[in-house]
Protein backbone atom coordinates (compact mmCIF):
# COMPACT_ATOMS: atom_id res chain seq x y z
CA MET A 1 0.26 6.11 -14.30
CA VAL A 2 -0.93 9.36 -12.75
CA ASP A 3 -3.83 11.06 -14.47
CA LYS A 4 -3.46 14.72 -15.25
CA GLU A 5 -6.73 16.62 -15.17
CA ILE A 6 -7.11 19.39 -17.71
CA GLY A 7 -10.00 21.56 -18.85
CA VAL A 8 -11.37 21.15 -22.36
CA THR A 9 -10.20 24.63 -23.49
CA LYS A 10 -6.65 23.99 -22.30
CA ALA A 11 -6.76 20.49 -23.82
CA ARG A 12 -7.72 21.99 -27.17
CA GLU A 13 -4.78 24.40 -26.98
CA GLU A 14 -2.33 21.69 -25.88
CA PHE A 15 -3.70 18.75 -27.87
CA SER A 16 -0.48 18.03 -29.77
CA ASN A 17 1.56 18.06 -26.55
CA ILE A 18 -1.01 15.86 -24.81
CA ILE A 19 -0.79 13.29 -27.61
CA LYS A 20 3.02 13.31 -27.44
CA ASP A 21 2.95 12.85 -23.66
CA VAL A 22 0.47 9.98 -23.91
CA GLN A 23 2.30 8.31 -26.80
CA TYR A 24 5.89 8.66 -25.62
CA GLN A 25 5.66 9.04 -21.85
CA SER A 26 2.57 6.86 -21.17
CA GLY A 27 0.82 9.88 -19.74
CA ALA A 28 -2.91 9.93 -19.13
CA TYR A 29 -5.26 12.90 -19.15
CA VAL A 30 -8.77 13.35 -17.82
CA ILE A 31 -10.58 16.10 -19.68
CA SER A 32 -13.15 18.12 -17.76
CA ARG A 33 -15.80 20.57 -18.85
CA HIS A 34 -17.26 22.95 -16.27
CA GLY A 35 -15.60 20.88 -13.52
CA GLU A 36 -17.14 17.60 -14.66
CA LYS A 37 -14.88 14.81 -15.94
CA VAL A 38 -16.06 13.97 -19.46
CA ALA A 39 -13.29 12.11 -21.31
CA ALA A 40 -9.89 10.48 -20.98
CA VAL A 41 -6.86 10.33 -23.23
CA VAL A 42 -4.78 7.23 -22.48
CA PRO A 43 -2.19 5.16 -24.31
CA VAL A 44 -3.79 2.93 -26.93
CA GLN A 45 -2.56 -0.19 -25.08
CA VAL A 46 -4.55 0.85 -22.02
CA TYR A 47 -7.64 1.29 -24.21
CA GLN A 48 -7.12 -2.08 -25.93
CA ASP A 49 -6.62 -3.81 -22.57
CA TRP A 50 -9.84 -2.22 -21.29
CA LYS A 51 -11.76 -3.43 -24.35
CA LYS A 52 -10.37 -6.94 -23.91
CA GLN A 53 -11.30 -7.00 -20.20
CA ARG A 54 -14.77 -5.65 -20.96
CA LYS A 55 -15.35 -8.33 -23.60
CA GLY A 56 -14.14 -11.00 -21.16
CA PHE A 57 -16.50 -9.70 -18.49
CA PHE A 58 -19.53 -9.83 -20.79
CA ASP A 59 -18.49 -13.27 -22.08
CA GLN A 60 -18.45 -14.46 -18.46
CA ILE A 61 -21.87 -12.95 -17.83
CA ARG A 62 -23.29 -14.77 -20.88
CA GLU A 63 -21.67 -18.03 -19.76
CA ILE A 64 -23.09 -17.70 -16.25
CA GLN A 65 -26.48 -16.81 -17.71
CA GLU A 66 -26.46 -19.97 -19.83
CA LYS A 67 -25.38 -22.15 -16.89
CA ALA A 68 -28.04 -20.62 -14.67
CA ASP A 69 -30.63 -21.12 -17.40
CA LEU A 70 -31.89 -17.55 -17.01
CA GLY A 71 -33.56 -15.61 -19.73
CA PRO A 72 -32.29 -12.11 -20.54
CA GLN A 73 -35.14 -10.49 -18.63
CA GLU A 74 -34.54 -12.59 -15.50
CA ALA A 75 -30.79 -11.94 -15.67
CA SER A 76 -31.40 -8.19 -16.03
CA GLN A 77 -33.73 -8.22 -13.03
CA LEU A 78 -31.15 -10.03 -10.87
CA ALA A 79 -28.43 -7.63 -12.00
CA ALA A 80 -30.63 -4.63 -11.19
CA GLU A 81 -31.35 -6.04 -7.73
CA ALA A 82 -27.63 -6.61 -7.12
CA VAL A 83 -26.77 -3.05 -8.19
CA ALA A 84 -29.51 -1.66 -5.94
CA ALA A 85 -28.22 -3.70 -3.00
CA VAL A 86 -24.65 -2.49 -3.48
CA ARG A 87 -25.77 1.13 -3.81
CA SER A 88 -27.92 0.84 -0.70
CA GLU A 89 -25.00 -0.59 1.26
CA LYS A 90 -22.74 2.16 -0.04
CA ASP A 91 -25.29 4.83 0.97
CA GLN A 92 -25.55 3.38 4.48
CA LYS A 93 -21.78 3.65 4.90
CA SER A 94 -21.75 7.32 3.85
């Protein structure tokens, strides 16, 4: 599925056609405002799959948290440290 990027004004004008494309052709649109990507229009199955994956991810996090016997605050601290480490590594590569 190739995303088609479209500005919000054009999206407003073409909304009916966008919906038809997404519904019948499995199209996907990224809506931008002032050059910044702000929303996406995707087939409902893609959205439902995303929600299911997201739920599964957070279920796994809770399961790991319980196994590791970490409180929410400790888990959040470890997650923040992991994010910082990944961002630092990413910055060093740039």
